[in-house]
Protein backbone atom coordinates (compact mmCIF):
# COMPACT_ATOMS: atom_id res chain seq x y z
CA MET A 1 94.88 104.11 88.40
CA GLN A 2 92.42 107.05 89.00
CA PRO A 3 92.64 110.65 88.55
CA LEU A 4 94.99 112.94 91.12
CA SER A 5 91.19 114.60 92.46
CA ALA A 6 90.31 111.30 93.08
CA THR A 7 93.33 110.18 95.39
CA THR A 8 94.38 110.46 98.81
CA VAL A 9 97.28 113.04 98.49
CA ARG A 10 99.52 113.44 102.14
CA PHE A 11 103.03 115.21 101.92
CA GLY A 12 105.56 117.04 104.03
CA THR A 13 108.95 117.98 104.55
CA VAL A 14 111.46 116.23 107.75
CA THR A 15 114.27 117.64 108.98
CA ILE A 16 117.25 115.08 110.26
CA PRO A 17 118.74 116.52 113.34
CA ASP A 18 121.42 113.53 113.02
CA VAL A 19 124.75 113.21 111.34
CA LEU A 20 125.20 110.46 108.92
CA ARG A 21 128.86 109.55 108.94
CA ALA A 22 130.76 108.60 105.60
CA SER A 23 129.94 105.33 103.63
CA ASN A 24 131.10 101.99 105.34
CA THR A 25 131.53 103.61 109.37
CA THR A 26 129.94 103.20 112.21
CA GLY A 27 127.02 105.32 112.26
CA ASP A 28 126.38 105.69 107.94
CA TRP A 29 122.61 104.90 109.27
CA LYS A 30 119.63 106.67 110.46
CA GLN A 31 116.76 104.59 110.74
CA HIS A 32 113.47 104.61 112.24
CA VAL A 33 112.17 107.82 112.32
CA ALA A 34 108.73 108.35 112.20
CA VAL A 35 106.45 110.22 110.39
CA SER A 36 102.63 110.90 111.00
CA PHE A 37 100.48 111.53 108.16
CA GLY A 38 98.53 114.01 110.06
CA ALA A 39 94.98 112.89 108.73
CA PRO A 40 95.45 109.38 108.56
CA PHE A 41 94.62 107.39 105.36
CA GLY A 42 91.02 105.31 104.44
CA ALA A 43 90.36 102.19 103.14
CA ALA A 44 91.79 100.78 100.47
CA ILE A 45 89.53 99.82 97.86
CA PRO A 46 88.11 96.10 98.22
CA GLY A 47 89.91 93.87 95.04
CA ILE A 48 93.24 93.33 94.18
CA PRO A 49 93.87 94.92 90.12
CA LYS A 50 96.18 92.70 88.43
CA ASP A 51 96.72 90.39 91.44
CA VAL A 52 98.13 93.11 93.83
CA ALA A 53 96.59 94.44 97.03
CA GLN A 54 96.12 98.67 97.43
CA GLY A 55 98.66 99.93 99.66
CA ILE A 56 99.96 103.46 100.78
CA ASN A 57 102.81 103.99 98.93
CA VAL A 58 105.98 106.81 99.57
CA ILE A 59 108.23 108.87 98.01
CA LEU A 60 111.30 109.97 99.33
CA THR A 61 113.92 112.97 98.16
CA PRO A 62 116.52 114.16 101.13
CA ARG A 63 118.05 117.06 100.60
CA SER A 64 121.71 116.71 101.55
CA GLN A 65 125.11 118.16 99.90
CA VAL A 66 126.06 114.52 100.59
CA PRO A 67 124.51 111.63 98.78
CA VAL A 68 122.15 110.22 101.03
CA VAL A 69 119.81 106.88 99.86
CA ALA A 70 116.61 106.81 101.46
CA VAL A 71 114.56 103.67 102.24
CA VAL A 72 110.98 102.94 103.86
CA GLU A 73 110.94 100.38 106.11
CA SER A 74 106.94 100.11 106.85
CA VAL A 75 103.55 102.52 106.57
CA ASN A 76 100.56 101.94 108.12
CA ALA A 77 97.35 103.92 107.81
CA ILE A 78 98.60 106.69 110.48
CA GLY A 79 102.18 107.40 109.04
CA PHE A 80 105.62 105.89 108.25
CA ARG A 81 108.91 104.75 109.21
CA PHE A 82 112.39 105.41 107.38
CA ALA A 83 115.47 105.04 107.28
CA LEU A 84 118.46 107.20 105.29
CA ARG A 85 122.11 105.91 104.47
CA ASN A 86 124.80 107.94 103.29
CA ALA A 87 126.66 106.85 99.96
CA ASP A 88 129.73 108.88 100.46
CA PRO A 89 133.18 107.49 101.70
CA ASN A 90 134.52 110.20 102.23
CA GLN A 91 132.80 112.71 104.14
CA ASP A 92 129.74 112.94 106.67
CA ALA A 93 125.92 114.34 106.13
CA ASN A 94 124.50 116.36 107.75
CA GLY A 95 121.93 119.28 107.24
CA ILE A 96 119.50 116.28 106.03
CA ILE A 97 115.98 117.52 105.27
CA VAL A 98 113.61 114.91 103.47
CA ASP A 99 110.57 115.73 101.16
CA TRP A 100 108.11 112.38 101.61
CA LEU A 101 104.77 112.28 98.78
CA ALA A 102 102.17 109.46 100.08
CA VAL A 103 99.17 108.51 98.49
CA LEU A 104 96.59 105.51 98.22
CA GLY A 105 94.44 105.40 94.80
CA VAL A 106 90.84 106.74 96.96
CA SER A 107 88.96 109.57 97.60
CA GLU A 108 88.50 111.23 100.58
CA PRO A 109 85.79 113.85 101.66
CA ALA A 110 86.96 117.41 101.51
CA PRO A 111 90.68 116.86 100.07
CA PRO A 112 92.94 119.85 100.67
CA PRO A 113 93.59 121.98 97.38
CA LEU A 114 96.25 120.57 95.23
CA ASP A 115 98.80 122.97 93.27
CA VAL A 116 101.47 120.48 91.40
CA ARG A 117 104.09 120.79 89.21
CA LEU A 118 106.11 118.32 86.65
CA SER A 119 109.25 118.64 85.46
CA ILE A 120 111.61 116.82 83.23
CA LEU A 121 115.03 117.63 83.29
CA GLN A 122 117.29 116.78 80.39
CA PRO A 123 120.46 114.25 81.23
CA LYS A 124 123.36 115.33 82.06
CA PRO A 125 127.15 113.71 81.59
CA PHE A 126 128.53 111.72 84.73
CA SER A 127 132.19 110.35 84.27
CA GLY A 128 132.54 108.20 87.56
CA PHE A 129 131.96 107.16 91.02
CA LEU A 130 130.89 111.25 93.05
CA ASP A 131 131.22 112.85 89.88
CA GLU A 132 128.11 115.86 89.63
CA ALA A 133 126.29 117.94 88.12
CA LEU A 134 123.82 121.04 88.12
CA TRP A 135 120.76 121.78 86.92
CA PRO A 136 121.08 125.23 88.37
CA ARG A 137 117.07 126.72 86.99
CA ILE A 138 114.51 124.83 86.56
CA TRP A 139 111.42 127.19 85.97
CA PHE A 140 107.60 125.82 87.27
CA SER A 141 105.66 126.75 83.76
CA THR A 142 103.59 129.04 86.79
CA PRO A 143 105.06 130.13 89.95
CA PHE A 144 102.98 128.99 93.03
CA ALA A 145 100.39 131.00 93.93
CA SER A 146 101.39 131.94 97.88
CA ALA A 147 103.92 130.50 100.49
CA PRO A 148 104.54 127.24 102.29
CA THR A 149 107.15 126.61 99.10
CA PRO A 150 106.13 123.08 97.47
CA VAL A 151 108.40 119.89 98.41
CA VAL A 152 109.73 119.15 95.69
CA LEU A 153 110.16 114.83 94.78
CA LEU A 154 113.34 113.54 92.12
CA THR A 155 114.06 110.30 90.39
CA ALA A 156 117.14 109.34 87.83
CA ASN A 157 115.55 108.16 84.46
CA ASN A 158 117.44 107.78 81.65
CA LEU A 159 114.87 110.02 78.77
CA ASN A 160 113.47 106.84 76.75
CA VAL A 161 116.95 106.57 75.57
CA PRO A 162 118.07 103.17 75.22
CA SER A 163 121.38 102.63 76.55
CA GLU A 164 123.46 100.76 79.62
CA ASP A 165 125.46 103.91 80.40
CA ASN A 166 122.63 105.00 82.64
CA PRO A 167 124.53 105.30 86.18
CA ALA A 168 122.87 105.64 89.44
CA VAL A 169 122.54 109.23 90.50
CA VAL A 170 121.28 110.45 93.91
CA ALA A 171 119.15 113.67 93.08
CA HIS A 172 118.73 116.73 95.55
CA ALA A 173 116.64 119.87 95.12
CA GLY A 174 117.50 123.40 96.00
CA ALA A 175 116.62 127.45 95.65
CA LEU A 176 117.15 129.13 92.30
CA VAL A 177 121.20 128.99 91.46
CA LEU A 178 121.87 132.87 91.43
CA VAL A 179 118.71 133.66 92.67
CA ASP A 180 120.72 137.70 93.81
CA HIS A 181 120.31 138.42 89.82
CA LEU A 182 116.36 137.56 89.73
CA VAL A 183 115.96 139.80 92.73
CA ALA A 184 117.92 142.94 91.12
CA LYS A 185 115.75 141.95 87.66
CA GLY A 186 112.24 142.04 90.04
CA ILE A 187 111.87 138.81 88.69
CA ALA A 188 111.39 136.69 92.21
CA ASP A 189 111.18 138.18 95.46
CA PRO A 190 113.56 136.93 98.81
CA PRO A 191 110.87 135.26 101.06
CA THR A 192 109.42 133.66 98.40
CA GLY A 193 112.00 132.95 95.26
CA ALA A 194 111.38 129.47 95.51
CA ALA A 195 108.13 129.67 94.30
CA PHE A 196 109.71 130.55 90.79
CA GLY A 197 111.67 126.85 90.03
CA PHE A 198 114.25 125.58 92.13
CA GLY A 199 118.12 123.69 91.37
CA VAL A 200 119.08 120.25 91.07
CA ARG A 201 121.78 118.48 92.23
CA GLY A 202 122.98 115.17 91.18
CA VAL A 203 125.59 112.99 92.38
CA ASN A 204 126.71 109.64 90.90
CA VAL A 205 126.74 106.85 92.87
CA ASP A 206 127.24 104.28 91.27
CA SER A 207 130.65 102.71 89.32
CA VAL A 208 130.57 103.69 85.99
CA GLY A 209 129.47 106.69 83.98
CA GLY A 210 127.32 107.75 81.22
CA ASN A 211 124.22 110.23 81.02
CA THR A 212 121.49 110.33 83.38
CA GLY A 213 118.28 112.20 83.49
CA VAL A 214 115.39 113.49 86.76
CA TYR A 215 112.34 113.02 86.51
CA ALA A 216 111.03 116.06 89.34
CA ALA A 217 107.30 117.09 90.75
CA ALA A 218 106.77 119.64 93.22
CA PHE A 219 102.83 119.34 96.16
CA ALA A 220 102.02 122.35 97.91
CA THR A 221 98.66 122.85 98.97
CA SER A 222 97.08 126.46 97.75
CA ALA A 223 93.30 127.90 97.50
CA ASN A 224 94.89 129.72 94.41
CA ALA A 225 96.63 126.98 92.46
CA PRO A 226 95.30 127.26 88.86
CA PRO A 227 92.85 124.78 87.85
CA ALA A 228 94.76 123.38 85.06
CA SER A 229 97.53 122.52 87.81
CA THR A 230 95.77 119.01 88.86
CA SER A 231 92.34 118.58 86.65
CA THR A 232 94.02 116.80 83.71
CA LEU A 233 96.76 114.48 85.77
CA TRP A 234 95.70 111.04 86.27
CA VAL A 235 98.47 108.54 89.06
CA ASP A 236 99.26 104.58 89.42
CA SER A 237 101.30 103.21 92.28
CA GLY A 238 102.76 100.66 94.04
CA THR A 239 105.44 98.63 94.92
CA GLU A 240 107.53 95.80 93.19
CA THR A 241 105.20 92.69 93.64
CA ASN A 242 103.64 94.74 90.58
CA ALA A 243 106.99 93.72 88.57
CA ASP A 244 106.05 91.50 85.56
CA GLY A 245 106.80 87.40 86.83
CA PHE A 246 106.99 89.06 90.40
CA ALA A 247 104.44 85.47 91.24
CA LEU A 248 107.11 83.06 89.77
CA VAL A 249 109.99 84.73 91.54
CA SER A 250 108.78 84.62 94.61
CA ASP A 251 107.81 81.31 94.78
CA PRO A 252 109.06 79.53 98.06
CA LEU A 253 111.96 77.67 95.31
CA PHE A 254 112.79 80.93 94.77
CA GLY A 255 113.79 82.34 98.03
CA VAL A 256 113.31 86.04 98.24
CA PRO A 257 113.35 87.75 95.14
CA PHE A 258 115.29 90.67 93.47
CA SER A 259 118.21 89.89 95.18
CA VAL A 260 121.59 92.12 94.64
CA SER A 261 125.34 91.63 95.60
CA PRO A 262 126.74 94.30 97.59
CA GLY A 263 127.95 97.91 95.32
CA GLY A 264 130.75 97.66 92.89
CA GLN A 265 130.15 93.97 92.75
CA ARG A 266 128.79 92.10 89.40
CA GLY A 267 125.22 91.43 90.30
CA ASP A 268 124.87 94.87 92.38
CA TRP A 269 122.00 95.80 89.77
CA VAL A 270 118.75 94.69 89.10
CA SER A 271 115.90 95.55 86.56
CA VAL A 272 112.18 94.72 86.64
CA ASP A 273 109.21 95.69 84.22
CA VAL A 274 105.66 97.29 85.24
CA TYR A 275 103.08 97.68 83.40
CA PHE A 276 100.42 100.25 84.51
CA ASP A 277 97.08 99.62 85.89
CA ARG A 278 95.28 101.35 82.71
CA PRO A 279 97.82 103.07 80.06
CA PHE A 280 98.08 106.82 80.18
CA SER A 281 97.90 109.33 77.58
CA THR A 282 101.31 110.05 77.02
CA PRO A 283 103.93 109.05 79.13
CA PRO A 284 103.72 110.07 82.54
CA LEU A 285 106.48 110.59 85.12
CA VAL A 286 107.62 107.92 87.49
CA PHE A 287 109.19 108.13 91.19
CA ALA A 288 110.27 105.62 92.79
CA THR A 289 112.22 105.20 96.01
CA ALA A 290 114.00 101.83 97.90
CA ARG A 291 112.33 99.49 100.63
CA GLY A 292 112.35 97.17 102.78
CA HIS A 293 116.21 97.13 104.13
CA THR A 294 118.21 97.97 101.10
CA PRO A 295 119.13 101.11 100.02
CA VAL A 296 118.91 100.64 96.08
CA VAL A 297 119.10 103.51 94.68
CA PRO A 298 115.83 103.77 91.55
CA ILE A 299 116.15 105.12 87.97
CA ALA A 300 112.88 104.67 85.94
CA ARG A 301 113.59 103.71 82.11
CA ASN A 302 112.43 103.43 79.06
CA VAL A 303 108.98 104.94 80.76
CA THR A 304 105.62 104.24 77.59
CA THR A 305 101.70 105.13 78.35
CA HIS A 306 101.41 101.29 79.24
CA GLY A 307 104.39 100.92 81.81
CA PHE A 308 108.04 100.83 82.89
CA THR A 309 111.58 98.87 83.95
CA MET A 310 113.00 99.95 86.83
CA ALA A 311 116.50 99.47 87.61
CA LEU A 312 117.86 99.83 90.50
CA ARG A 313 121.56 99.79 91.70
CA ASN A 314 122.60 98.94 95.34
CA THR A 315 124.91 101.08 97.46
CA ASP A 316 125.60 99.47 100.11
CA SER A 317 128.35 97.23 101.01
CA VAL A 318 126.26 94.42 101.40
CA PRO A 319 124.13 92.16 99.74
CA GLY A 320 119.99 92.63 100.00
CA HIS A 321 117.43 92.81 98.50
CA ALA A 322 115.50 95.47 95.79
CA ALA A 323 112.21 96.64 96.78
CA PHE A 324 110.48 99.92 96.71
CA HIS A 325 107.60 101.79 96.02
CA TRP A 326 107.08 103.67 92.61
CA VAL A 327 104.24 106.66 92.17
CA ALA A 328 103.18 107.54 88.12
CA ILE A 329 101.93 110.99 87.40
CA GLY A 330 100.63 111.78 83.95
CA CYS A 331 97.94 113.15 82.21
CA ALA A 332 94.64 111.60 81.59
CA GLN A 333 93.97 107.90 80.59
CA GLY A 334 94.73 106.32 77.11
CA CYS A 335 93.68 103.98 75.33
CA GLY A 336 94.02 100.33 75.79
């Protein structure tokens, strides 16, 4: 865990020209999409905090009218590869854009100026599979100073309300809804309207209904960023290997940890507890993305200053293993 100012950060956007066919048909996957970081990451800090080696962690958020699940396949200092799977059995997915963020807990010389906004979207009800909900206007506390349009990362959460009726929801960001009304009132300017905020659409890819909220983080590079936008932020990050008891369940006697059944079958969920390297002063926002080969949808549950529970549901028709990258962003380092 370290200040954002002492963290190496890369982010960007990838356009996917391919069409992903309806779920459970040939062509519902797009694999091995290569992304370059541009400037490579430096070496990780020597040492193994909490018995887990440090690494680069990647968060992906697809933007698509159809629910698409992203999976990080591999990561190294110069880039990463990822896959996408369509989770909708009724329609193809096209025009997909993927926002991405990569972090490593080491500082770098002359880092680019960052502009960051964090948002917590209140829970919305979802009645069942493929039901949708809309958060039409999520305003940035301060508009972004200039182009380019920021990347927006999203992860579902339960907003610390202990309950099992918290379905797996895939969320994607878009422009503010009814932006023409804002233009008419002189609030937004079409070329840079997205810098005032964004809208979010969520789709339930679970077999049950319930209430789900969303964490959101917007990143941009701007020399005109308000000083407060990053000066008090701290970051922690890792993978499922940070989970409490991972060393026990990864013992050869137990096989590969965190196995999940095919979606819609008993055992398609798994939940693990993760503790931060050091506590935050207030509960941070937690973002996560599947990694490996199984398209699990992550939900950050019961987030506290010291850790969180990551719940993951398999959206594939075959069994697999729940693995994930996670990044927590919050205010300052706390006590403990």
